[in-house]
Amino acid sequence: MKLYKRSEIALFASLVVTSFLLVGCVISKTDEHYIGRDRPIGNQTLRQIECGQTTKDWLVTALGEPTEERLMEDGTEILKYRCIMKKDNAFVLFPIIIVDDKETDHSVSFEIKDGIVQRYWKEG
């Protein structure tokens, strides 16, 4: 009779441990941060820019200093505002750990001629 009880307890304990390992513990965490600018330039801001009228001074005042500036041979300036969003996702289903890192590059470049925005384009 005691042997029967012991094997019953051992079976119950192994079922509990197995179910814990199968079901496990689920933890999910997402961390989002920006490199370059503190956030991408939104469409609402871009709608305020009128090619042929908006000045470079207004652009720098509204958006801050560009992350990159290039001066072309013909005197045209290219101002680039770059923002990289880095998203770190961690998902734990005990005992398995899954990590997924993604980077999204949001860039807006402005072509400036004689201090006036001529055109702009988005990349990424």
Protein backbone atom coordinates (compact mmCIF):
# COMPACT_ATOMS: atom_id res chain seq x y z
CA MET A 1 0.00 0.00 0.00
CA LYS A 2 2.82 2.44 0.82
CA LEU A 3 4.51 1.72 -2.52
CA TYR A 4 1.27 2.56 -4.32
CA LYS A 5 1.01 5.90 -2.44
CA ARG A 6 4.64 6.79 -3.19
CA SER A 7 4.29 6.16 -6.92
CA GLU A 8 1.03 8.14 -6.94
CA ILE A 9 2.77 11.12 -5.27
CA ALA A 10 5.74 10.84 -7.64
CA LEU A 11 3.40 10.77 -10.64
CA PHE A 12 1.51 13.81 -9.35
CA ALA A 13 4.76 15.70 -8.71
CA SER A 14 6.11 14.88 -12.17
CA LEU A 15 2.82 16.06 -13.73
CA VAL A 16 3.04 19.36 -11.84
CA VAL A 17 6.68 19.91 -12.87
CA THR A 18 5.95 18.96 -16.50
CA SER A 19 2.94 21.27 -16.70
CA PHE A 20 5.01 24.11 -15.23
CA LEU A 21 7.72 23.58 -17.84
CA LEU A 22 5.20 23.39 -20.67
CA VAL A 23 3.03 26.31 -19.62
CA GLY A 24 5.88 28.19 -18.03
CA CYS A 25 6.04 31.84 -17.31
CA VAL A 26 5.35 34.44 -19.99
CA ILE A 27 7.06 37.83 -19.87
CA SER A 28 7.07 40.42 -22.66
CA LYS A 29 8.97 43.71 -22.75
CA THR A 30 9.34 46.36 -25.46
CA ASP A 31 11.85 49.19 -25.27
CA GLU A 32 11.73 52.00 -27.83
CA HIS A 33 14.30 54.76 -28.18
CA TYR A 34 15.53 57.16 -30.83
CA ILE A 35 19.02 57.82 -32.17
CA GLY A 36 19.70 61.17 -33.85
CA ARG A 37 16.57 63.30 -33.48
CA ASP A 38 14.30 62.65 -30.51
CA ARG A 39 11.47 61.67 -32.90
CA PRO A 40 10.76 61.55 -36.65
CA ILE A 41 9.51 64.63 -38.50
CA GLY A 42 5.77 64.19 -38.86
CA ASN A 43 3.58 64.85 -41.89
CA GLN A 44 1.84 67.72 -40.09
CA THR A 45 5.17 69.55 -39.78
CA LEU A 46 6.05 68.82 -43.41
CA ARG A 47 2.72 70.32 -44.55
CA GLN A 48 3.83 73.67 -43.13
CA ILE A 49 6.82 73.79 -45.50
CA GLU A 50 6.15 75.49 -48.83
CA CYS A 51 8.77 74.83 -51.49
CA GLY A 52 9.97 78.10 -53.02
CA GLN A 53 8.88 80.12 -49.96
CA THR A 54 10.06 78.53 -46.70
CA THR A 55 13.47 79.80 -45.61
CA LYS A 56 16.41 77.84 -44.25
CA ASP A 57 16.28 79.94 -41.06
CA TRP A 58 12.64 78.97 -40.46
CA LEU A 59 13.49 75.32 -41.10
CA VAL A 60 16.36 75.30 -38.59
CA THR A 61 14.26 77.19 -36.04
CA ALA A 62 11.35 74.76 -36.41
CA LEU A 63 13.30 71.49 -36.69
CA GLY A 64 16.59 72.25 -34.97
CA GLU A 65 20.07 71.67 -36.34
CA PRO A 66 20.24 69.02 -39.08
CA THR A 67 22.09 65.77 -38.45
CA GLU A 68 23.95 66.17 -41.74
CA GLU A 69 24.73 69.12 -44.07
CA ARG A 70 26.22 69.00 -47.57
CA LEU A 71 27.22 71.88 -49.83
CA MET A 72 27.06 71.07 -53.55
CA GLU A 73 29.30 72.65 -56.19
CA ASP A 74 26.48 74.85 -57.52
CA GLY A 75 25.85 76.36 -54.06
CA THR A 76 22.85 74.16 -53.25
CA GLU A 77 22.72 72.91 -49.67
CA ILE A 78 21.26 69.58 -48.59
CA LEU A 79 20.08 69.44 -44.97
CA LYS A 80 19.33 65.97 -43.68
CA TYR A 81 17.34 65.24 -40.53
CA ARG A 82 17.83 61.62 -39.54
CA CYS A 83 16.06 59.71 -36.82
CA ILE A 84 16.59 56.02 -36.15
CA MET A 85 13.96 54.30 -34.05
CA LYS A 86 15.38 51.29 -32.25
CA LYS A 87 12.84 48.86 -30.89
CA ASP A 88 13.98 46.05 -28.60
CA ASN A 89 11.41 43.32 -28.01
CA ALA A 90 12.05 40.60 -25.44
CA PHE A 91 9.66 37.71 -25.04
CA VAL A 92 10.26 35.02 -22.45
CA LEU A 93 8.30 31.77 -22.38
CA PHE A 94 10.17 29.99 -19.63
CA PRO A 95 12.66 28.41 -20.32
CA ILE A 96 12.88 29.91 -23.87
CA ILE A 97 14.01 33.52 -24.42
CA ILE A 98 13.30 35.27 -27.75
CA VAL A 99 14.89 38.65 -28.50
CA ASP A 100 13.89 40.70 -31.56
CA ASP A 101 15.70 43.98 -32.30
CA LYS A 102 14.50 46.27 -35.10
CA GLU A 103 15.81 49.57 -36.38
CA THR A 104 13.75 51.88 -38.55
CA ASP A 105 15.47 54.79 -40.27
CA HIS A 106 13.34 57.92 -40.80
CA SER A 107 15.14 60.63 -42.76
CA VAL A 108 13.95 63.84 -44.38
CA SER A 109 16.27 65.79 -46.68
CA PHE A 110 15.79 69.39 -47.76
CA GLU A 111 17.33 71.03 -50.81
CA ILE A 112 18.12 74.69 -50.11
CA LYS A 113 19.05 77.19 -52.84
CA ASP A 114 19.73 80.86 -51.98
CA GLY A 115 18.34 80.30 -48.45
CA ILE A 116 14.97 78.95 -49.71
CA VAL A 117 13.68 75.36 -49.56
CA GLN A 118 13.37 74.12 -53.15
CA ARG A 119 12.19 70.58 -52.44
CA TYR A 120 12.27 67.88 -49.79
CA TRP A 121 12.00 64.11 -49.69
CA LYS A 122 11.57 61.33 -47.18
CA GLU A 123 13.72 58.24 -47.00
CA GLY A 124 13.01 55.06 -45.09
